[in-house]
C-alpha cells in the first residue's frame, strides 16, 4: 500500500519546496524540543514525555533526511513522496502513545491532539501545492481518522457527555479538507497562469520566427530577381554573342575557335549555375505548395524511387501553421522517409498527418527490418539528432519506436495554440 501511494505521487518536485520542507523540519525540532523541556520541568507522566520525544526524533530524522542531498539525487521524483508518507505514518503512530497513559482522559487527548495542528497543517499545505486534491484527502482522512479512533478507544462508548469532544477530530478533519481545497485551487490557478505565460511566450516566439521567415523570404526573392535581371541576362547575352562570333569567325583559325568554345563552355556553365541558384532561392516546396501538397509530393517521389508501397493520409485542409512549424514537419518527414528508403529494407510505408484535439500529429511507419533501440545511440546518428533538434525548436515531442523485424514508427506531436 505504501509503495502504491508513493507511485501515485510520482511527479517532479515544485521548485523551492524541498527548501521550505527543511525550514519546517527545523521549526518542528525546535517546537518539540521546547515541549520536551516543558514536560520535563513539570515532571509529567513518563508516557507523555516519551510521546513528545518520539515527535522530536521524527522531526530530527526528517531534518537529517532532507539535508542529505545525495538521497535526493538518487531517489529523484520519489524523494519527496517517500518522506511525506513516512512522516504521516510516524506522526499517527506517535499519537497512539497516548493510549498508554494511565490516567488518560478524552479532554487531555483532544488538547494534545490540537497541539499538533500547527505541525500537521504544514505537510498538508505541501501536499496540496505539489499534488492533486485526492492526495490531500488521503492525508487528511488518515491523520484525523487515526485521532478519532484513539478517542473512541479512550471513551469506549459514545454518550451525550463525550459527544462534543468526539466531534472535535471530525471538525479538525473538515478544517483540514477546507485548507487543502483552498491551497489546491491556488496551486491549480498558479499552474494555469504559468501555462498561459508559457503558451504566450511560445506564441510570441512563433510570431518572431514568422517575421524572420518572411523577411528572409523577401530577401531571397529580391536576390533572385537581381540575379535574374543582371547576371542571368548578362550571361545569356554573352552566350548568344559568342555563338554568333563562332559562326562568323574563320574556321581555319583553330586557336580562335578553341578560345570561343572555351569561353562558350564557361559562360554556359555559369548560366547553368546561376539558374540553379535561382531555383534554390525561389523553388521552396512549402512556399509554393503548402505543407499538405509538399509532403504528399515528397512522399510519392521517395516511394517511387525506392519502390515502396505508399499509404498516405493527410487531413485536408490543414489549419494555418507558422512557417517554422511547417518547415520542421516537412524536414522531419523528409529525414524519416529517406531513412526508410535507404536503410529499412521495407516494402510499405505509411504516413499520417492529422490534427487531434489541437495537437498536430505526424506518423511515419514502415514494415522494415527495424532495430534494437537499446543498441542505438541517437546522438551519434546525425539524422536522428537533427530531427530531435528541429522538434525542440518548436516545442514538439518526437518519439521513435522500433523492434528488430517489426519495423519502425516515428511520431512528431506539437500542440497548436489557437
Protein backbone atom coordinates (compact mmCIF):
# COMPACT_ATOMS: atom_id res chain seq x y z
CA UNK A 1 0.00 0.00 0.00
CA UNK A 2 2.82 2.38 0.92
CA UNK A 3 4.54 1.80 -2.44
CA UNK A 4 1.23 2.33 -4.26
CA UNK A 5 0.70 5.73 -2.63
CA UNK A 6 4.28 6.75 -3.42
CA UNK A 7 3.90 5.69 -7.07
CA UNK A 8 0.71 7.76 -7.40
CA UNK A 9 2.66 10.78 -6.10
CA UNK A 10 5.42 10.44 -8.70
CA UNK A 11 5.79 13.97 -10.03
CA UNK A 12 8.67 16.44 -10.43
CA UNK A 13 9.02 18.49 -7.26
CA UNK A 14 7.98 22.12 -7.41
CA UNK A 15 11.00 24.47 -7.21
CA UNK A 16 11.81 25.56 -3.66
CA UNK A 17 9.51 23.03 -1.95
CA UNK A 18 12.33 20.91 -0.51
CA UNK A 19 13.96 24.04 0.90
CA UNK A 20 10.71 25.04 2.63
CA UNK A 21 10.35 21.50 3.97
CA UNK A 22 13.81 21.79 5.54
CA UNK A 23 12.74 25.00 7.30
CA UNK A 24 9.64 23.20 8.54
CA UNK A 25 11.77 20.34 9.92
CA UNK A 26 13.94 22.83 11.82
CA UNK A 27 10.84 24.51 13.28
CA UNK A 28 9.43 21.08 14.21
CA UNK A 29 12.63 20.13 16.04
CA UNK A 30 12.63 23.43 17.96
CA UNK A 31 8.90 23.14 18.77
CA UNK A 32 9.07 19.62 20.17
CA UNK A 33 12.34 20.32 21.97
CA UNK A 34 10.60 23.20 23.74
CA UNK A 35 7.66 20.87 24.51
CA UNK A 36 10.07 18.23 25.84
CA UNK A 37 11.79 20.75 28.14
CA UNK A 38 8.39 21.97 29.34
CA UNK A 39 7.09 18.47 30.07
CA UNK A 40 10.32 17.56 31.88
CA UNK A 41 10.10 20.68 34.05
CA UNK A 42 6.54 19.72 35.09
CA UNK A 43 7.56 16.13 35.88
CA UNK A 44 4.71 14.98 33.66
CA UNK A 45 3.75 11.36 33.06
CA UNK A 46 6.60 9.39 31.52
CA UNK A 47 4.38 8.29 28.61
CA UNK A 48 3.69 11.93 27.67
CA UNK A 49 7.40 12.67 27.77
CA UNK A 50 8.04 9.58 25.63
CA UNK A 51 5.42 10.71 23.12
CA UNK A 52 6.97 14.17 22.83
CA UNK A 53 10.39 12.51 22.50
CA UNK A 54 9.06 10.40 19.62
CA UNK A 55 7.78 13.51 17.84
CA UNK A 56 11.13 15.22 18.44
CA UNK A 57 13.04 12.25 16.96
CA UNK A 58 10.67 12.10 13.97
CA UNK A 59 11.41 15.73 13.09
CA UNK A 60 15.11 15.33 13.77
CA UNK A 61 15.25 12.35 11.38
CA UNK A 62 13.15 14.31 8.90
CA UNK A 63 15.70 17.13 9.01
CA UNK A 64 18.61 14.73 8.52
CA UNK A 65 16.83 13.10 5.58
CA UNK A 66 16.14 16.45 3.95
CA UNK A 67 19.74 17.57 4.38
CA UNK A 68 21.18 14.53 2.57
CA UNK A 69 21.25 15.81 -1.00
CA UNK A 70 22.75 12.52 -2.21
CA UNK A 71 19.45 10.82 -1.41
CA UNK A 72 17.58 13.47 -3.38
CA UNK A 73 19.77 12.80 -6.43
CA UNK A 74 19.34 9.04 -6.13
CA UNK A 75 15.60 8.92 -5.41
CA UNK A 76 14.66 11.78 -7.78
CA UNK A 77 10.86 12.11 -8.02
CA UNK A 78 10.36 9.54 -5.22
CA UNK A 79 12.32 11.64 -2.72
CA UNK A 80 9.50 13.91 -1.52
CA UNK A 81 6.54 11.47 -1.61
CA UNK A 82 8.51 8.84 0.33
CA UNK A 83 9.25 11.13 3.27
CA UNK A 84 5.73 12.60 3.26
CA UNK A 85 4.20 9.13 3.57
CA UNK A 86 6.68 8.01 6.24
CA UNK A 87 6.24 11.24 8.18
CA UNK A 88 2.43 10.95 8.14
CA UNK A 89 2.53 7.33 9.37
CA UNK A 90 5.12 8.18 12.05
CA UNK A 91 3.03 11.06 13.42
CA UNK A 92 -0.10 8.86 13.54
CA UNK A 93 1.79 6.13 15.38
CA UNK A 94 3.24 8.71 17.77
CA UNK A 95 -0.28 9.84 18.67
CA UNK A 96 -1.14 6.27 19.68
CA UNK A 97 1.34 6.51 22.56
CA UNK A 98 -1.34 8.43 24.47
CA UNK A 99 -3.28 5.17 24.80
CA UNK A 100 -0.67 4.00 27.31
CA UNK A 101 -1.08 6.98 29.65
CA UNK A 102 -2.51 5.54 32.92
CA UNK A 103 -4.82 8.45 33.78
CA UNK A 104 -5.71 9.31 30.19
CA UNK A 105 -8.82 11.40 29.54
CA UNK A 106 -10.60 12.40 26.38
CA UNK A 107 -10.07 16.07 27.18
CA UNK A 108 -6.35 15.52 27.66
CA UNK A 109 -6.09 13.65 24.37
CA UNK A 110 -8.05 16.28 22.40
CA UNK A 111 -5.87 19.01 23.90
CA UNK A 112 -2.74 17.09 22.94
CA UNK A 113 -4.15 16.36 19.50
CA UNK A 114 -4.95 20.01 18.75
CA UNK A 115 -1.47 20.94 19.88
CA UNK A 116 -0.22 19.08 16.77
CA UNK A 117 -2.38 21.08 14.36
CA UNK A 118 0.31 23.72 13.57
CA UNK A 119 2.71 20.89 12.78
CA UNK A 120 0.34 18.70 10.75
CA UNK A 121 -1.10 21.51 8.66
CA UNK A 122 2.25 22.40 7.05
CA UNK A 123 2.69 19.00 5.30
CA UNK A 124 -0.96 19.33 4.29
CA UNK A 125 -0.14 22.59 2.51
CA UNK A 126 2.90 21.00 0.83
CA UNK A 127 0.82 18.05 -0.41
CA UNK A 128 -1.97 20.35 -1.65
CA UNK A 129 0.52 22.51 -3.54
CA UNK A 130 2.56 19.67 -5.01
CA UNK A 131 -0.14 17.08 -5.73
CA UNK A 132 -3.86 16.96 -6.50
CA UNK A 133 -6.78 17.08 -4.07
CA UNK A 134 -7.18 13.31 -3.74
CA UNK A 135 -3.79 13.15 -2.02
CA UNK A 136 -4.94 15.91 0.31
CA UNK A 137 -7.98 13.80 1.20
CA UNK A 138 -5.80 10.72 1.88
CA UNK A 139 -3.54 12.70 4.22
CA UNK A 140 -6.46 14.45 5.94
CA UNK A 141 -8.51 11.31 6.47
CA UNK A 142 -5.52 9.26 7.66
CA UNK A 143 -4.31 11.78 10.25
CA UNK A 144 -7.75 12.69 11.59
CA UNK A 145 -9.41 9.26 11.50
CA UNK A 146 -6.45 7.93 13.47
CA UNK A 147 -7.16 10.52 16.18
CA UNK A 148 -10.88 9.70 16.11
CA UNK A 149 -10.09 6.00 16.55
CA UNK A 150 -7.82 6.77 19.52
CA UNK A 151 -10.54 8.96 21.04
CA UNK A 152 -13.08 6.13 20.66
CA UNK A 153 -10.69 3.71 22.39
CA UNK A 154 -10.34 6.15 25.30
CA UNK A 155 -14.09 6.76 25.90
CA UNK A 156 -15.06 3.17 24.94
CA UNK A 157 -18.63 4.22 24.12
CA UNK A 158 -20.38 7.31 22.82
CA UNK A 159 -22.51 9.30 25.26
CA UNK A 160 -24.19 12.69 25.28
CA UNK A 161 -21.48 13.95 27.61
CA UNK A 162 -18.49 12.93 25.47
CA UNK A 163 -20.10 13.54 22.07
CA UNK A 164 -18.89 17.16 21.82
CA UNK A 165 -15.32 16.02 22.47
CA UNK A 166 -15.59 13.17 19.95
CA UNK A 167 -16.76 15.64 17.31
CA UNK A 168 -13.54 17.65 17.62
CA UNK A 169 -11.48 15.29 15.37
CA UNK A 170 -14.28 15.50 12.77
CA UNK A 171 -14.24 19.30 12.93
CA UNK A 172 -10.47 19.21 12.52
CA UNK A 173 -10.89 16.87 9.54
CA UNK A 174 -13.30 19.28 7.86
CA UNK A 175 -10.98 22.21 8.58
CA UNK A 176 -8.04 20.32 7.04
CA UNK A 177 -10.14 19.47 3.97
CA UNK A 178 -11.08 23.12 3.55
CA UNK A 179 -7.48 24.31 3.88
CA UNK A 180 -6.32 21.61 1.46
CA UNK A 181 -9.02 22.54 -1.04
CA UNK A 182 -8.13 26.24 -0.96
CA UNK A 183 -4.40 25.54 -1.38
CA UNK A 184 -5.11 23.05 -4.18
CA UNK A 185 -7.19 25.65 -6.02
CA UNK A 186 -4.45 28.24 -5.59
CA UNK A 187 -1.90 25.73 -6.90
CA UNK A 188 -4.05 24.88 -9.91
CA UNK A 189 -4.59 28.57 -10.67
CA UNK A 190 -0.85 29.17 -10.42
CA UNK A 191 -0.20 26.24 -12.76
CA UNK A 192 -2.76 27.51 -15.26
CA UNK A 193 -1.26 31.00 -15.12
CA UNK A 194 2.21 29.55 -15.59
CA UNK A 195 0.93 27.53 -18.54
CA UNK A 196 -0.70 30.59 -20.09
CA UNK A 197 2.53 32.57 -19.75
CA UNK A 198 4.48 29.72 -21.31
CA UNK A 199 2.00 29.49 -24.18
CA UNK A 200 2.13 33.26 -24.69
CA UNK A 201 5.93 33.13 -24.83
CA UNK A 202 5.80 30.29 -27.35
CA UNK A 203 3.27 32.18 -29.49
CA UNK A 204 5.48 35.26 -29.33
CA UNK A 205 8.46 33.13 -30.34
CA UNK A 206 6.47 31.67 -33.24
CA UNK A 207 5.39 35.16 -34.30
CA UNK A 208 9.01 36.30 -34.22
CA UNK A 209 10.07 33.27 -36.26
CA UNK A 210 7.31 34.02 -38.76
CA UNK A 211 8.51 37.61 -39.16
CA UNK A 212 12.10 36.42 -39.57
CA UNK A 213 10.97 33.85 -42.11
CA UNK A 214 9.02 36.46 -44.07
CA UNK A 215 11.98 38.83 -44.01
CA UNK A 216 14.28 36.04 -45.21
CA UNK A 217 11.84 35.06 -47.96
CA UNK A 218 11.55 38.63 -49.19
CA UNK A 219 15.33 39.00 -49.25
CA UNK A 220 15.72 35.70 -51.13
CA UNK A 221 13.14 36.80 -53.69
CA UNK A 222 14.86 40.15 -54.08
CA UNK A 223 18.21 38.42 -54.64
CA UNK A 224 16.59 36.04 -57.11
CA UNK A 225 15.17 38.96 -59.10
CA UNK A 226 18.53 40.76 -59.07
CA UNK A 227 20.37 37.65 -60.22
CA UNK A 228 17.82 37.02 -62.95
CA UNK A 229 17.82 40.60 -64.22
CA UNK A 230 21.60 41.08 -64.09
CA UNK A 231 23.87 38.06 -64.10
CA UNK A 232 21.47 35.64 -65.85
CA UNK A 233 20.58 38.14 -68.58
CA UNK A 234 24.23 39.16 -68.98
CA UNK A 235 25.49 35.57 -69.27
CA UNK A 236 22.67 34.71 -71.66
CA UNK A 237 23.61 37.69 -73.83
CA UNK A 238 27.29 36.78 -73.74
CA UNK A 239 26.41 33.21 -74.76
CA UNK A 240 24.38 34.45 -77.76
CA UNK A 241 27.18 36.79 -78.81
CA UNK A 242 29.75 34.01 -78.59
CA UNK A 243 27.54 31.74 -80.69
CA UNK A 244 27.28 34.48 -83.29
CA UNK A 245 31.02 35.15 -83.16
CA UNK A 246 31.72 31.48 -83.68
CA UNK A 247 29.69 31.40 -86.90
CA UNK A 248 31.41 34.43 -88.44
CA UNK A 249 34.92 33.61 -87.25
CA UNK A 250 37.24 31.94 -89.70
CA UNK A 251 37.07 28.18 -89.46
CA UNK A 252 40.75 27.99 -90.36
CA UNK A 253 41.72 29.93 -87.26
CA UNK A 254 41.62 26.96 -84.90
CA UNK A 255 43.09 28.91 -81.99
CA UNK A 256 40.26 31.45 -82.12
CA UNK A 257 37.66 28.72 -82.46
CA UNK A 258 39.13 26.94 -79.42
CA UNK A 259 39.06 30.14 -77.36
CA UNK A 260 35.43 30.80 -78.38
CA UNK A 261 34.45 27.22 -77.50
CA UNK A 262 36.20 27.52 -74.14
CA UNK A 263 34.55 30.87 -73.38
CA UNK A 264 31.20 29.49 -74.51
CA UNK A 265 31.53 26.48 -72.19
CA UNK A 266 32.44 28.70 -69.23
CA UNK A 267 29.53 31.03 -69.99
CA UNK A 268 27.06 28.15 -70.30
CA UNK A 269 28.35 26.64 -67.05
CA UNK A 270 27.98 30.00 -65.30
CA UNK A 271 24.47 30.42 -66.69
CA UNK A 272 23.54 26.91 -65.57
CA UNK A 273 24.88 27.56 -62.05
CA UNK A 274 23.06 30.88 -61.93
CA UNK A 275 19.79 29.21 -62.87
CA UNK A 276 20.40 26.53 -60.22
CA UNK A 277 20.96 29.27 -57.63
CA UNK A 278 17.73 30.93 -58.75
CA UNK A 279 15.84 27.65 -58.30
CA UNK A 280 17.34 27.21 -54.82
CA UNK A 281 16.34 30.73 -53.87
CA UNK A 282 12.79 30.58 -55.21
CA UNK A 283 11.68 26.98 -55.58
CA UNK A 284 10.70 26.19 -51.98
CA UNK A 285 8.11 23.35 -51.90
CA UNK A 286 6.46 24.64 -48.73
CA UNK A 287 6.16 28.18 -50.06
CA UNK A 288 4.89 27.07 -53.45
CA UNK A 289 2.63 24.19 -52.42
CA UNK A 290 1.97 24.37 -48.67
CA UNK A 291 2.67 21.57 -46.18
CA UNK A 292 -0.11 19.25 -47.35
CA UNK A 293 0.83 19.12 -51.05
CA UNK A 294 4.58 19.42 -50.44
CA UNK A 295 4.55 16.47 -48.03
CA UNK A 296 2.37 14.39 -50.37
CA UNK A 297 4.64 15.15 -53.34
CA UNK A 298 7.75 14.34 -51.29
CA UNK A 299 6.32 11.01 -50.09
CA UNK A 300 5.25 9.97 -53.61
CA UNK A 301 8.66 10.89 -55.05
CA UNK A 302 10.66 8.94 -52.45
CA UNK A 303 8.26 5.95 -52.53
CA UNK A 304 8.55 5.69 -56.33
CA UNK A 305 12.33 5.98 -56.21
CA UNK A 306 12.65 3.27 -53.51
CA UNK A 307 9.85 1.12 -55.00
CA UNK A 308 7.81 1.30 -51.78
CA UNK A 309 4.07 0.87 -51.45
CA UNK A 310 2.79 4.17 -50.06
CA UNK A 311 -0.22 4.66 -47.78
CA UNK A 312 -0.75 8.33 -47.03
CA UNK A 313 -3.46 10.10 -45.05
CA UNK A 314 -3.36 13.88 -44.58
CA UNK A 315 -6.16 15.94 -43.05
CA UNK A 316 -7.41 18.50 -45.55
CA UNK A 317 -7.47 21.37 -45.26
CA UNK A 318 -4.83 21.77 -42.60
CA UNK A 319 -5.15 24.83 -40.32
CA UNK A 320 -2.80 27.77 -40.66
CA UNK A 321 0.65 26.88 -39.36
CA UNK A 322 3.60 29.17 -38.80
CA UNK A 323 6.31 28.74 -41.47
CA UNK A 324 8.82 27.43 -38.92
CA UNK A 325 6.33 24.74 -37.81
CA UNK A 326 5.69 23.66 -41.41
CA UNK A 327 9.43 23.58 -42.01
CA UNK A 328 10.02 21.27 -39.01
CA UNK A 329 7.26 18.85 -40.04
CA UNK A 330 8.44 18.77 -43.65
CA UNK A 331 12.11 18.21 -42.79
CA UNK A 332 11.41 15.56 -40.12
CA UNK A 333 9.15 13.68 -42.57
CA UNK A 334 11.81 14.00 -45.26
CA UNK A 335 14.51 12.56 -42.99
CA UNK A 336 12.24 9.71 -41.85
CA UNK A 337 11.30 8.85 -45.45
CA UNK A 338 14.90 8.94 -46.62
CA UNK A 339 15.98 6.70 -43.72
CA UNK A 340 13.27 4.20 -44.67
CA UNK A 341 14.26 4.27 -48.32
CA UNK A 342 17.97 3.78 -47.60
CA UNK A 343 18.15 1.58 -44.50
CA UNK A 344 14.84 -0.08 -43.58
CA UNK A 345 14.59 -2.69 -46.33
CA UNK A 346 10.83 -2.12 -46.18
CA UNK A 347 8.07 -2.83 -48.67
CA UNK A 348 5.39 -0.46 -47.31
CA UNK A 349 5.45 2.95 -45.69
CA UNK A 350 2.50 4.66 -44.02
CA UNK A 351 2.25 8.42 -43.44
CA UNK A 352 -0.42 10.12 -41.40
CA UNK A 353 -0.71 13.85 -40.69
CA UNK A 354 -3.74 14.84 -38.63
CA UNK A 355 -4.97 17.36 -36.08
CA UNK A 356 -6.30 15.74 -32.88
CA UNK A 357 -7.51 17.96 -30.03
CA UNK A 358 -5.28 20.87 -31.07
CA UNK A 359 -2.27 18.56 -31.43
CA UNK A 360 -0.73 18.19 -34.87
CA UNK A 361 0.34 14.55 -35.16
CA UNK A 362 2.73 13.24 -37.81
CA UNK A 363 3.27 9.49 -38.02
CA UNK A 364 5.73 7.75 -40.37
CA UNK A 365 5.69 3.96 -40.10
CA UNK A 366 7.34 1.21 -42.14
CA UNK A 367 7.35 -2.60 -42.13
CA UNK A 368 11.11 -2.88 -42.48
CA UNK A 369 13.78 -4.71 -40.54
CA UNK A 370 13.69 -2.30 -37.59
CA UNK A 371 16.42 -2.05 -34.96
CA UNK A 372 17.07 -2.51 -31.25
CA UNK A 373 16.54 0.88 -29.59
CA UNK A 374 18.84 -0.05 -26.67
CA UNK A 375 21.74 -0.61 -29.06
CA UNK A 376 21.32 2.72 -30.85
CA UNK A 377 22.92 5.92 -29.62
CA UNK A 378 20.75 8.58 -31.25
CA UNK A 379 23.35 11.28 -30.52
CA UNK A 380 25.78 9.54 -32.89
CA UNK A 381 23.28 9.50 -35.77
CA UNK A 382 23.18 12.99 -37.20
CA UNK A 383 19.87 12.45 -38.99
CA UNK A 384 18.02 11.39 -35.83
CA UNK A 385 19.83 14.01 -33.77
CA UNK A 386 18.84 16.65 -36.32
CA UNK A 387 15.17 15.58 -36.14
CA UNK A 388 15.19 15.90 -32.34
CA UNK A 389 16.84 19.32 -32.52
CA UNK A 390 14.29 20.51 -35.08
CA UNK A 391 11.43 19.28 -32.88
CA UNK A 392 12.84 21.16 -29.89
CA UNK A 393 12.85 24.46 -31.80
CA UNK A 394 9.02 24.49 -31.81
CA UNK A 395 8.49 22.64 -28.51
CA UNK A 396 7.29 19.45 -30.21
CA UNK A 397 7.63 15.89 -28.91
CA UNK A 398 9.45 13.34 -31.06
CA UNK A 399 9.01 9.62 -30.42
CA UNK A 400 10.86 6.86 -32.30
CA UNK A 401 9.83 3.23 -31.68
CA UNK A 402 11.38 0.18 -33.30
CA UNK A 403 11.92 -3.53 -32.79
CA UNK A 404 14.02 -5.92 -34.89
CA UNK A 405 11.81 -7.45 -37.55
CA UNK A 406 8.81 -5.28 -36.67
CA UNK A 407 9.60 -2.06 -38.47
CA UNK A 408 9.98 1.49 -37.19
CA UNK A 409 7.47 4.15 -36.22
CA UNK A 410 8.20 7.86 -35.85
CA UNK A 411 5.71 10.24 -34.27
CA UNK A 412 6.00 14.02 -34.10
CA UNK A 413 3.46 15.80 -31.89
CA UNK A 414 3.04 19.55 -31.43
CA UNK A 415 0.34 21.47 -29.59
CA UNK A 416 -1.31 24.12 -31.71
CA UNK A 417 -2.38 27.29 -29.94
CA UNK A 418 -5.44 28.97 -31.33
